[in-house]
Amino acid sequence: MRKLEVTWMDSCSCTKSWSTREEALEWAEEGVIAQTVGYFVSESKDWLTLAASYHEDQYGGLWNIPKGCIVRRRRLK
């Protein structure tokens, strides 16, 4: 089973109620970069699907990562 490490831009929201324009612009530039390690399940035009675990033909902890958000992917040994 192929294991991958995927670095991707995640969606996020600001938990602060109100922000000045300067604060909003600063926050918008920060973004969130996430890393997910998992077993390859499938890949389509828009999605890469990984699983946190597997046994025979059963998968657990599925992740659908939008391919447009992927910054880097690396195959692990």
N, C-alpha and C. Protein backbone atom coordinates (compact mmCIF):
# COMPACT_ATOMS: atom_id res chain seq x y z
N MET A 1 0.86 -1.18 0.00
CA MET A 1 0.00 0.00 0.00
C MET A 1 0.90 1.24 0.00
N ARG A 2 0.64 2.16 -0.89
CA ARG A 2 1.44 3.38 -1.04
C ARG A 2 1.11 4.39 0.06
N LYS A 3 2.15 4.92 0.72
CA LYS A 3 1.97 5.90 1.80
C LYS A 3 2.50 7.25 1.31
N LEU A 4 1.71 8.33 1.54
CA LEU A 4 2.07 9.66 1.08
C LEU A 4 2.07 10.67 2.21
N GLU A 5 2.92 11.67 2.05
CA GLU A 5 2.87 12.88 2.89
C GLU A 5 2.42 14.01 1.97
N VAL A 6 1.34 14.66 2.31
CA VAL A 6 0.78 15.72 1.46
C VAL A 6 0.78 17.04 2.25
N THR A 7 1.35 18.07 1.65
CA THR A 7 1.34 19.41 2.21
C THR A 7 0.32 20.20 1.39
N TRP A 8 -0.62 20.85 2.08
CA TRP A 8 -1.71 21.52 1.36
C TRP A 8 -2.21 22.73 2.12
N MET A 9 -2.81 23.65 1.36
CA MET A 9 -3.39 24.86 1.94
C MET A 9 -4.79 24.54 2.44
N ASP A 10 -5.01 24.75 3.73
CA ASP A 10 -6.30 24.43 4.33
C ASP A 10 -7.16 25.69 4.43
N SER A 11 -8.45 25.52 4.39
CA SER A 11 -9.37 26.62 4.64
C SER A 11 -9.35 26.94 6.12
N CYS A 12 -9.61 28.17 6.47
CA CYS A 12 -9.64 28.55 7.88
C CYS A 12 -10.57 29.74 8.05
N SER A 13 -10.95 29.97 9.28
CA SER A 13 -11.78 31.13 9.59
C SER A 13 -11.17 31.85 10.78
N CYS A 14 -11.43 33.13 10.84
CA CYS A 14 -10.91 33.95 11.94
C CYS A 14 -11.89 33.84 13.11
N THR A 15 -11.38 33.58 14.29
CA THR A 15 -12.26 33.42 15.45
C THR A 15 -12.57 34.75 16.12
N LYS A 16 -11.93 35.79 15.69
CA LYS A 16 -12.17 37.11 16.24
C LYS A 16 -13.48 37.67 15.67
N SER A 17 -14.30 38.32 16.49
CA SER A 17 -15.59 38.83 16.04
C SER A 17 -15.44 39.94 15.00
N TRP A 18 -14.63 40.94 15.30
CA TRP A 18 -14.47 42.08 14.42
C TRP A 18 -12.98 42.35 14.21
N SER A 19 -12.63 42.79 13.01
CA SER A 19 -11.24 43.11 12.68
C SER A 19 -11.20 44.39 11.88
N THR A 20 -10.14 45.14 12.07
CA THR A 20 -9.93 46.30 11.20
C THR A 20 -9.53 45.80 9.83
N ARG A 21 -9.57 46.66 8.84
CA ARG A 21 -9.16 46.27 7.48
C ARG A 21 -7.71 45.80 7.49
N GLU A 22 -6.84 46.51 8.21
CA GLU A 22 -5.43 46.13 8.28
C GLU A 22 -5.27 44.74 8.90
N GLU A 23 -6.01 44.46 9.97
CA GLU A 23 -5.94 43.14 10.61
C GLU A 23 -6.44 42.06 9.65
N ALA A 24 -7.52 42.36 8.94
CA ALA A 24 -8.09 41.39 7.99
C ALA A 24 -7.12 41.08 6.87
N LEU A 25 -6.46 42.12 6.34
CA LEU A 25 -5.50 41.90 5.26
C LEU A 25 -4.28 41.11 5.76
N GLU A 26 -3.83 41.40 6.96
CA GLU A 26 -2.70 40.67 7.54
C GLU A 26 -3.07 39.21 7.74
N TRP A 27 -4.26 38.97 8.28
CA TRP A 27 -4.73 37.60 8.51
C TRP A 27 -4.86 36.84 7.20
N ALA A 28 -5.35 37.52 6.16
CA ALA A 28 -5.56 36.87 4.87
C ALA A 28 -4.26 36.38 4.24
N GLU A 29 -3.16 37.04 4.55
CA GLU A 29 -1.86 36.65 4.00
C GLU A 29 -1.23 35.47 4.73
N GLU A 30 -1.64 35.22 5.96
CA GLU A 30 -1.03 34.15 6.75
C GLU A 30 -1.39 32.77 6.23
N GLY A 31 -2.68 32.48 6.08
CA GLY A 31 -3.12 31.18 5.62
C GLY A 31 -2.75 30.06 6.58
N VAL A 32 -3.19 28.87 6.25
CA VAL A 32 -2.89 27.69 7.05
C VAL A 32 -2.35 26.62 6.11
N ILE A 33 -1.14 26.15 6.40
CA ILE A 33 -0.55 25.05 5.63
C ILE A 33 -0.64 23.80 6.50
N ALA A 34 -1.29 22.77 5.98
CA ALA A 34 -1.48 21.53 6.72
C ALA A 34 -0.63 20.42 6.10
N GLN A 35 -0.32 19.42 6.90
CA GLN A 35 0.36 18.23 6.41
C GLN A 35 -0.45 17.02 6.83
N THR A 36 -0.67 16.13 5.88
CA THR A 36 -1.39 14.89 6.14
C THR A 36 -0.56 13.72 5.64
N VAL A 37 -0.43 12.71 6.46
CA VAL A 37 0.25 11.47 6.07
C VAL A 37 -0.81 10.37 6.05
N GLY A 38 -0.87 9.64 4.96
CA GLY A 38 -1.86 8.58 4.88
C GLY A 38 -1.60 7.63 3.74
N TYR A 39 -2.45 6.62 3.66
CA TYR A 39 -2.38 5.61 2.61
C TYR A 39 -3.23 6.04 1.43
N PHE A 40 -2.65 5.94 0.23
CA PHE A 40 -3.35 6.31 -1.00
C PHE A 40 -4.58 5.43 -1.20
N VAL A 41 -5.72 6.08 -1.44
CA VAL A 41 -6.95 5.35 -1.75
C VAL A 41 -7.32 5.56 -3.21
N SER A 42 -7.40 6.85 -3.64
CA SER A 42 -7.76 7.14 -5.02
C SER A 42 -7.40 8.58 -5.37
N GLU A 43 -7.44 8.86 -6.66
CA GLU A 43 -7.21 10.21 -7.14
C GLU A 43 -8.11 10.45 -8.34
N SER A 44 -8.79 11.60 -8.32
CA SER A 44 -9.64 11.99 -9.45
C SER A 44 -9.12 13.32 -9.99
N LYS A 45 -9.85 13.90 -10.90
CA LYS A 45 -9.47 15.19 -11.46
C LYS A 45 -9.37 16.26 -10.38
N ASP A 46 -10.23 16.20 -9.37
CA ASP A 46 -10.33 17.24 -8.36
C ASP A 46 -9.85 16.86 -6.96
N TRP A 47 -9.77 15.56 -6.66
CA TRP A 47 -9.53 15.13 -5.28
C TRP A 47 -8.43 14.09 -5.18
N LEU A 48 -7.70 14.14 -4.05
CA LEU A 48 -6.78 13.08 -3.66
C LEU A 48 -7.35 12.51 -2.37
N THR A 49 -7.57 11.21 -2.32
CA THR A 49 -8.16 10.58 -1.14
C THR A 49 -7.13 9.69 -0.46
N LEU A 50 -6.95 9.94 0.85
CA LEU A 50 -6.03 9.17 1.68
C LEU A 50 -6.80 8.55 2.84
N ALA A 51 -6.23 7.51 3.41
CA ALA A 51 -6.81 6.88 4.60
C ALA A 51 -5.75 6.86 5.71
N ALA A 52 -6.19 7.08 6.93
CA ALA A 52 -5.28 7.02 8.08
C ALA A 52 -4.87 5.59 8.38
N SER A 53 -5.76 4.64 8.08
CA SER A 53 -5.44 3.24 8.32
C SER A 53 -6.22 2.36 7.34
N TYR A 54 -5.77 1.13 7.21
CA TYR A 54 -6.48 0.17 6.35
C TYR A 54 -6.23 -1.25 6.84
N HIS A 55 -7.15 -2.12 6.50
CA HIS A 55 -7.03 -3.55 6.77
C HIS A 55 -7.79 -4.29 5.69
N GLU A 56 -7.08 -5.13 4.94
CA GLU A 56 -7.65 -5.84 3.80
C GLU A 56 -8.32 -4.84 2.86
N ASP A 57 -9.63 -4.85 2.72
CA ASP A 57 -10.27 -3.86 1.84
C ASP A 57 -11.10 -2.85 2.63
N GLN A 58 -10.75 -2.61 3.88
CA GLN A 58 -11.44 -1.64 4.74
C GLN A 58 -10.51 -0.46 5.02
N TYR A 59 -11.05 0.74 4.95
CA TYR A 59 -10.28 1.96 5.19
C TYR A 59 -10.87 2.73 6.37
N GLY A 60 -10.02 3.36 7.16
CA GLY A 60 -10.47 4.19 8.28
C GLY A 60 -9.84 5.56 8.22
N GLY A 61 -10.57 6.57 8.69
CA GLY A 61 -10.04 7.93 8.74
C GLY A 61 -9.77 8.51 7.36
N LEU A 62 -10.79 8.55 6.52
CA LEU A 62 -10.62 9.04 5.14
C LEU A 62 -10.45 10.56 5.09
N TRP A 63 -9.57 11.00 4.20
CA TRP A 63 -9.33 12.42 3.93
C TRP A 63 -9.52 12.66 2.44
N ASN A 64 -10.34 13.63 2.07
CA ASN A 64 -10.47 14.11 0.70
C ASN A 64 -9.78 15.46 0.65
N ILE A 65 -8.67 15.57 -0.06
CA ILE A 65 -7.93 16.82 -0.16
C ILE A 65 -8.14 17.39 -1.56
N PRO A 66 -8.62 18.64 -1.68
CA PRO A 66 -8.79 19.24 -3.00
C PRO A 66 -7.42 19.37 -3.69
N LYS A 67 -7.30 18.86 -4.91
CA LYS A 67 -6.01 18.87 -5.59
C LYS A 67 -5.49 20.29 -5.85
N GLY A 68 -6.40 21.25 -6.01
CA GLY A 68 -5.98 22.63 -6.22
C GLY A 68 -5.31 23.25 -5.01
N CYS A 69 -5.44 22.61 -3.85
CA CYS A 69 -4.84 23.11 -2.61
C CYS A 69 -3.51 22.44 -2.28
N ILE A 70 -3.14 21.42 -3.05
CA ILE A 70 -1.91 20.68 -2.74
C ILE A 70 -0.69 21.49 -3.15
N VAL A 71 0.20 21.67 -2.19
CA VAL A 71 1.46 22.39 -2.41
C VAL A 71 2.56 21.40 -2.79
N ARG A 72 2.55 20.23 -2.13
CA ARG A 72 3.59 19.24 -2.36
C ARG A 72 3.09 17.88 -1.92
N ARG A 73 3.56 16.86 -2.60
CA ARG A 73 3.29 15.48 -2.16
C ARG A 73 4.58 14.68 -2.28
N ARG A 74 4.75 13.77 -1.33
CA ARG A 74 5.97 12.97 -1.29
C ARG A 74 5.61 11.54 -0.91
N ARG A 75 6.15 10.61 -1.67
CA ARG A 75 5.91 9.19 -1.36
C ARG A 75 6.84 8.78 -0.23
N LEU A 76 6.28 8.09 0.76
CA LEU A 76 7.05 7.61 1.91
C LEU A 76 7.34 6.13 1.76
N LYS A 77 8.44 5.69 2.35
CA LYS A 77 8.80 4.26 2.28
C LYS A 77 8.13 3.49 3.37
